[in-house]
Amino acid sequence: MRRNEPEQERTPRSEAVSEIFQEVGDELAAAVAVPGEITYRTLDRFFTFIGGTSSLFGRAMGYLIRAAVDARETLNQMSTIGVASLPIVLVTVTFSGMVLALYSSQTLVAYGFGGTFVGGGIGLSIAREIGPVLTAVVVAARAGSAMAAEIGSMKVTEQVDALRALAVDPVQYLVVPRLLAAVVMLPVITILADVVGTAGGYAVAVINGVPGGSFISSLQAFVETGDVVKGLLKTVFFGATIAIVGCYEGLETRGGATGVGRSTTRAVVLSIVLIYISNFFLAYVLFGGRTSV
């Protein structure tokens, strides 16, 4: 009987050790699997978003090519996206131009280059970057969020399904007017933003010692019509991005009021991120990016 006791004691101990190793192995496997699972989910969401927005844009363009557009709804959206966003756009771009003029005039006047470069530098910065990009960001925050919230509310209250039941395509009724309005209105309000932004920069530059005539001469010497036109061309892409992302997130809304809030947040964040990413590539293409050899 005593000879069997050690064997009986060894068996439970060996089983306990094996269970410990098994638990440790399971924990390690779970820890290793987490990054892979996160990566998979991220890639899945990324490609789903790219595919969904591309499909939505293609369908909307099909209606635009066939001129199947609700003119009244388009005018309403032009008012909502463009006219209603104009005051905050003007304030944002004006003070951005004033800040740029404050820094540049102080620095360049100190080195004796104030009358030569301040006007041209401010004009180029506003026409190429500050005007188009800040206008798009403000419109994305204001109008893009409104698109996602409005369409998202319609989705969770089954109004979108009701449109389909009435043989009305939600893309034609909801997406096309917003896309057309955003593409048309963003260049318009960007023109006004460029003007008031440059005027604000002029006022601050003159206050800081830059002669008004030199500012205008520098502006005329450095800023060409092509700079303004190319900056406006960027806003066409920005407007399409804001409208498609906002409408897509609205149509994909699920989960009631909480889902509407999530869709609105995603629409704003994704729109702004895509605006900055596309801005780099558009600037590289339109304004002649160079690579060192």
Protein backbone atom coordinates (compact mmCIF):
# COMPACT_ATOMS: atom_id res chain seq x y z
CA MET A 1 0.00 0.00 0.00
CA ARG A 2 2.81 2.40 0.75
CA ARG A 3 4.44 1.76 -2.64
CA ASN A 4 1.29 2.97 -4.40
CA GLU A 5 1.04 6.20 -2.42
CA PRO A 6 3.88 8.05 -4.27
CA GLU A 7 2.37 7.13 -7.62
CA GLN A 8 -1.02 8.44 -6.49
CA GLU A 9 0.61 11.67 -5.34
CA ARG A 10 2.55 12.10 -8.60
CA THR A 11 -0.51 11.79 -10.77
CA PRO A 12 -2.40 14.81 -9.37
CA ARG A 13 0.77 16.92 -9.37
CA SER A 14 1.58 16.12 -13.00
CA GLU A 15 -1.98 16.88 -13.98
CA ALA A 16 -1.85 20.21 -12.14
CA VAL A 17 1.40 21.15 -13.90
CA SER A 18 -0.02 20.23 -17.30
CA GLU A 19 -3.13 22.28 -16.61
CA ILE A 20 -0.99 25.28 -15.67
CA PHE A 21 1.02 25.00 -18.90
CA GLN A 22 -2.18 24.62 -20.87
CA GLU A 23 -3.67 27.75 -19.32
CA VAL A 24 -0.48 29.72 -19.97
CA GLY A 25 -0.47 28.50 -23.57
CA ASP A 26 -4.09 29.52 -24.04
CA GLU A 27 -3.36 32.98 -22.66
CA LEU A 28 -0.34 33.41 -24.93
CA ALA A 29 -2.33 32.24 -27.94
CA ALA A 30 -5.11 34.70 -27.11
CA ALA A 31 -2.60 37.53 -26.68
CA VAL A 32 -0.99 36.74 -30.02
CA ALA A 33 -4.38 36.49 -31.73
CA VAL A 34 -5.58 39.93 -30.58
CA PRO A 35 -3.37 42.01 -32.94
CA GLY A 36 -4.28 39.74 -35.81
CA GLU A 37 -7.97 40.06 -35.04
CA ILE A 38 -7.71 43.83 -34.75
CA THR A 39 -5.81 44.01 -38.05
CA TYR A 40 -8.39 41.85 -39.75
CA ARG A 41 -11.27 43.97 -38.48
CA THR A 42 -9.50 47.18 -39.51
CA LEU A 43 -8.81 45.91 -43.02
CA ASP A 44 -12.33 44.56 -43.32
CA ARG A 45 -13.84 47.91 -42.34
CA PHE A 46 -11.43 49.78 -44.62
CA PHE A 47 -12.23 47.75 -47.73
CA THR A 48 -15.94 47.75 -46.90
CA PHE A 49 -15.87 51.55 -46.66
CA ILE A 50 -13.91 51.92 -49.90
CA GLY A 51 -16.21 49.54 -51.75
CA GLY A 52 -19.39 51.08 -50.33
CA THR A 53 -18.46 54.69 -51.05
CA SER A 54 -17.18 53.82 -54.54
CA SER A 55 -20.42 52.01 -55.35
CA LEU A 56 -22.49 54.88 -53.98
CA PHE A 57 -20.51 57.43 -55.99
CA GLY A 58 -20.88 55.37 -59.16
CA ARG A 59 -24.64 55.09 -58.75
CA ALA A 60 -24.97 58.82 -58.02
CA MET A 61 -22.88 59.70 -61.08
CA GLY A 62 -25.14 57.50 -63.19
CA TYR A 63 -28.14 59.62 -62.22
CA LEU A 64 -26.18 62.84 -62.80
CA ILE A 65 -25.14 61.73 -66.28
CA ARG A 66 -28.78 60.97 -67.11
CA ALA A 67 -29.79 64.35 -65.59
CA ALA A 68 -32.16 62.58 -63.22
CA VAL A 69 -31.91 65.30 -60.58
CA ASP A 70 -34.54 66.82 -58.32
CA ALA A 71 -33.96 70.53 -58.97
CA ARG A 72 -35.93 71.77 -55.94
CA GLU A 73 -34.13 69.49 -53.49
CA THR A 74 -30.79 70.41 -55.05
CA LEU A 75 -31.49 74.12 -54.52
CA ASN A 76 -32.46 73.42 -50.91
CA GLN A 77 -29.20 71.56 -50.37
CA MET A 78 -27.21 74.34 -52.03
CA SER A 79 -28.70 76.72 -49.49
CA THR A 80 -27.96 74.36 -46.60
CA ILE A 81 -24.45 73.41 -47.66
CA GLY A 82 -23.27 76.67 -49.17
CA VAL A 83 -25.19 79.72 -47.98
CA ALA A 84 -25.66 78.54 -44.39
CA SER A 85 -21.96 77.60 -44.12
CA LEU A 86 -20.70 80.88 -45.58
CA PRO A 87 -20.47 82.99 -42.38
CA ILE A 88 -18.37 80.51 -40.42
CA VAL A 89 -16.18 79.86 -43.48
CA LEU A 90 -15.50 83.57 -43.94
CA VAL A 91 -14.67 84.06 -40.27
CA THR A 92 -12.33 81.05 -40.24
CA VAL A 93 -10.41 81.94 -43.41
CA THR A 94 -10.27 85.67 -42.59
CA PHE A 95 -8.62 85.17 -39.23
CA SER A 96 -6.33 82.49 -40.65
CA GLY A 97 -5.14 84.99 -43.26
CA MET A 98 -4.68 87.61 -40.55
CA VAL A 99 -2.58 85.27 -38.42
CA LEU A 100 -0.46 84.33 -41.44
CA ALA A 101 0.05 88.02 -42.24
CA LEU A 102 0.96 88.77 -38.63
CA TYR A 103 3.77 86.21 -38.54
CA SER A 104 5.09 86.73 -42.06
CA SER A 105 5.04 90.54 -41.98
CA GLN A 106 6.86 90.72 -38.66
CA THR A 107 9.56 88.33 -39.84
CA LEU A 108 10.06 89.65 -43.36
CA VAL A 109 9.90 93.34 -42.41
CA ALA A 110 12.62 92.72 -39.83
CA TYR A 111 14.88 91.41 -42.62
CA GLY A 112 13.88 94.06 -45.15
CA PHE A 113 11.75 91.86 -47.41
CA GLY A 114 8.30 92.96 -46.24
CA GLY A 115 7.25 94.87 -49.32
CA THR A 116 8.58 92.21 -51.68
CA PHE A 117 7.22 88.91 -50.44
CA VAL A 118 4.44 89.39 -47.88
CA GLY A 119 1.59 89.98 -50.33
CA GLY A 120 2.65 87.19 -52.67
CA GLY A 121 3.22 84.71 -49.87
CA ILE A 122 -0.15 85.39 -48.27
CA GLY A 123 -1.97 85.34 -51.60
CA LEU A 124 -0.40 82.04 -52.68
CA SER A 125 -1.03 80.41 -49.31
CA ILE A 126 -4.68 81.40 -49.28
CA ALA A 127 -5.39 80.63 -52.93
CA ARG A 128 -3.67 77.25 -52.94
CA GLU A 129 -4.18 75.88 -49.43
CA ILE A 130 -5.83 77.92 -46.71
CA GLY A 131 -8.94 78.89 -48.67
CA PRO A 132 -9.79 75.49 -50.20
CA VAL A 133 -8.77 73.29 -47.27
CA LEU A 134 -10.28 75.31 -44.42
CA THR A 135 -13.47 75.82 -46.41
CA ALA A 136 -13.76 72.08 -46.95
CA VAL A 137 -13.03 71.29 -43.30
CA VAL A 138 -15.64 73.76 -42.05
CA VAL A 139 -18.26 72.47 -44.51
CA ALA A 140 -17.45 68.88 -43.53
CA ALA A 141 -17.94 69.72 -39.86
CA ARG A 142 -21.17 71.58 -40.44
CA ALA A 143 -22.88 70.19 -43.54
CA GLY A 144 -21.29 66.73 -43.62
CA SER A 145 -22.46 66.01 -40.11
CA ALA A 146 -25.94 67.28 -41.00
CA MET A 147 -26.11 64.92 -43.99
CA ALA A 148 -25.17 61.91 -41.91
CA ALA A 149 -27.55 62.84 -39.09
CA GLU A 150 -30.51 63.56 -41.37
CA ILE A 151 -30.16 60.45 -43.53
CA GLY A 152 -29.25 58.34 -40.50
CA SER A 153 -32.43 59.43 -38.74
CA MET A 154 -34.42 58.52 -41.84
CA LYS A 155 -32.72 55.13 -41.91
CA VAL A 156 -33.43 54.17 -38.30
CA THR A 157 -37.04 55.37 -38.56
CA GLU A 158 -37.49 53.24 -41.72
CA GLN A 159 -38.18 56.21 -43.97
CA VAL A 160 -35.49 54.98 -46.37
CA ASP A 161 -37.26 51.62 -46.58
CA ALA A 162 -40.50 53.50 -47.25
CA LEU A 163 -38.86 55.23 -50.22
CA ARG A 164 -37.88 51.86 -51.64
CA ALA A 165 -41.43 50.60 -51.10
CA LEU A 166 -42.66 53.54 -53.17
CA ALA A 167 -40.21 52.61 -55.96
CA VAL A 168 -38.02 55.64 -55.22
CA ASP A 169 -34.28 55.03 -55.18
CA PRO A 170 -32.79 56.61 -52.03
CA VAL A 171 -29.59 57.34 -53.95
CA GLN A 172 -31.47 59.45 -56.49
CA TYR A 173 -33.65 61.16 -53.90
CA LEU A 174 -31.13 61.69 -51.09
CA VAL A 175 -27.58 61.40 -52.39
CA VAL A 176 -27.63 63.03 -55.84
CA PRO A 177 -28.93 66.48 -54.71
CA ARG A 178 -26.40 66.64 -51.88
CA LEU A 179 -23.52 65.56 -54.11
CA LEU A 180 -24.36 68.10 -56.81
CA ALA A 181 -24.93 70.89 -54.28
CA ALA A 182 -21.60 70.24 -52.52
CA VAL A 183 -19.63 70.10 -55.77
CA VAL A 184 -21.19 73.35 -57.02
CA MET A 185 -21.18 75.38 -53.80
CA LEU A 186 -17.72 74.65 -52.41
CA PRO A 187 -15.88 76.51 -55.21
CA VAL A 188 -18.30 79.44 -54.88
CA ILE A 189 -17.80 79.96 -51.17
CA THR A 190 -14.06 79.32 -51.56
CA ILE A 191 -13.83 82.28 -53.95
CA LEU A 192 -15.38 84.52 -51.31
CA ALA A 193 -13.15 83.01 -48.64
CA ASP A 194 -10.04 83.74 -50.74
CA VAL A 195 -11.09 87.38 -51.14
CA VAL A 196 -11.85 88.08 -47.49
CA GLY A 197 -8.84 86.07 -46.31
CA THR A 198 -6.51 88.11 -48.49
CA ALA A 199 -8.22 91.33 -47.37
CA GLY A 200 -7.71 90.37 -43.74
CA GLY A 201 -4.06 89.60 -44.42
CA TYR A 202 -3.67 92.96 -46.17
CA ALA A 203 -5.07 94.86 -43.20
CA VAL A 204 -2.78 93.16 -40.68
CA ALA A 205 0.27 93.47 -42.96
CA VAL A 206 -0.27 97.22 -43.37
CA ILE A 207 -0.65 97.63 -39.62
CA ASN A 208 2.68 95.84 -39.16
CA GLY A 209 4.59 98.13 -41.48
CA VAL A 210 4.14 96.68 -44.97
CA PRO A 211 3.28 99.41 -47.53
CA GLY A 212 -0.15 98.83 -49.04
CA GLY A 213 1.07 99.42 -52.60
CA SER A 214 3.94 96.96 -52.15
CA PHE A 215 1.52 94.35 -50.80
CA ILE A 216 -0.70 94.69 -53.89
CA SER A 217 2.28 94.67 -56.26
CA SER A 218 3.67 91.54 -54.65
CA LEU A 219 0.26 89.91 -54.82
CA GLN A 220 -0.04 90.63 -58.52
CA ALA A 221 3.50 89.47 -59.21
CA PHE A 222 3.31 86.11 -57.46
CA VAL A 223 -0.32 85.00 -57.63
CA GLU A 224 -1.49 83.90 -61.07
CA THR A 225 -4.95 82.99 -62.27
CA GLY A 226 -3.88 79.35 -62.47
CA ASP A 227 -3.17 79.28 -58.75
CA VAL A 228 -6.72 80.36 -57.95
CA VAL A 229 -8.29 78.02 -60.51
CA LYS A 230 -6.32 75.01 -59.31
CA GLY A 231 -7.24 75.79 -55.72
CA LEU A 232 -10.90 75.87 -56.72
CA LEU A 233 -10.50 72.59 -58.60
CA LYS A 234 -9.40 70.96 -55.36
CA THR A 235 -12.66 71.98 -53.73
CA VAL A 236 -14.62 69.99 -56.33
CA PHE A 237 -12.95 66.81 -55.05
CA PHE A 238 -13.43 67.92 -51.45
CA GLY A 239 -17.14 68.58 -52.02
CA ALA A 240 -17.66 65.15 -53.56
CA THR A 241 -15.81 63.56 -50.65
CA ILE A 242 -17.92 65.35 -48.02
CA ALA A 243 -21.21 64.47 -49.71
CA ILE A 244 -20.42 60.81 -50.43
CA VAL A 245 -18.99 60.09 -46.97
CA GLY A 246 -21.84 61.87 -45.19
CA CYS A 247 -24.53 60.11 -47.23
CA TYR A 248 -22.82 56.72 -46.98
CA GLU A 249 -22.52 56.89 -43.21
CA GLY A 250 -26.13 57.99 -42.98
CA LEU A 251 -27.36 55.11 -45.12
CA GLU A 252 -25.30 52.64 -43.08
CA THR A 253 -26.70 53.83 -39.75
CA ARG A 254 -27.98 51.17 -37.34
CA GLY A 255 -28.92 51.14 -33.68
CA GLY A 256 -31.35 54.01 -33.15
CA ALA A 257 -30.29 57.39 -31.77
CA THR A 258 -26.94 56.05 -30.60
CA GLY A 259 -26.20 54.80 -34.10
CA VAL A 260 -27.06 58.21 -35.56
CA GLY A 261 -24.52 59.82 -33.23
CA ARG A 262 -21.84 57.32 -34.22
CA SER A 263 -22.53 57.82 -37.92
CA THR A 264 -22.34 61.59 -37.55
CA THR A 265 -19.01 61.38 -35.76
CA ARG A 266 -17.57 58.96 -38.32
CA ALA A 267 -18.75 61.13 -41.20
CA VAL A 268 -16.97 64.22 -39.86
CA VAL A 269 -13.76 62.42 -38.90
CA LEU A 270 -13.47 60.45 -42.14
CA SER A 271 -14.29 63.47 -44.28
CA ILE A 272 -11.62 65.64 -42.66
CA VAL A 273 -9.00 62.88 -42.82
CA LEU A 274 -9.76 62.22 -46.49
CA ILE A 275 -9.67 65.94 -47.25
CA TYR A 276 -6.15 66.25 -45.88
CA ILE A 277 -4.94 63.07 -47.57
CA SER A 278 -6.40 63.99 -50.95
CA ASN A 279 -5.12 67.56 -50.55
CA PHE A 280 -1.54 66.32 -50.58
CA PHE A 281 -1.96 64.29 -53.75
CA LEU A 282 -3.95 67.04 -55.48
CA ALA A 283 -1.32 69.62 -54.56
CA TYR A 284 1.41 67.31 -55.82
CA VAL A 285 -0.35 66.82 -59.16
CA LEU A 286 -1.70 70.33 -59.70
CA PHE A 287 1.26 72.37 -58.51
CA GLY A 288 4.07 70.20 -59.84
CA GLY A 289 5.59 68.11 -57.07
CA ARG A 290 9.21 67.17 -57.56
CA THR A 291 11.34 64.32 -56.29
CA SER A 292 15.06 64.51 -55.71
CA VAL A 293 17.25 62.32 -57.87
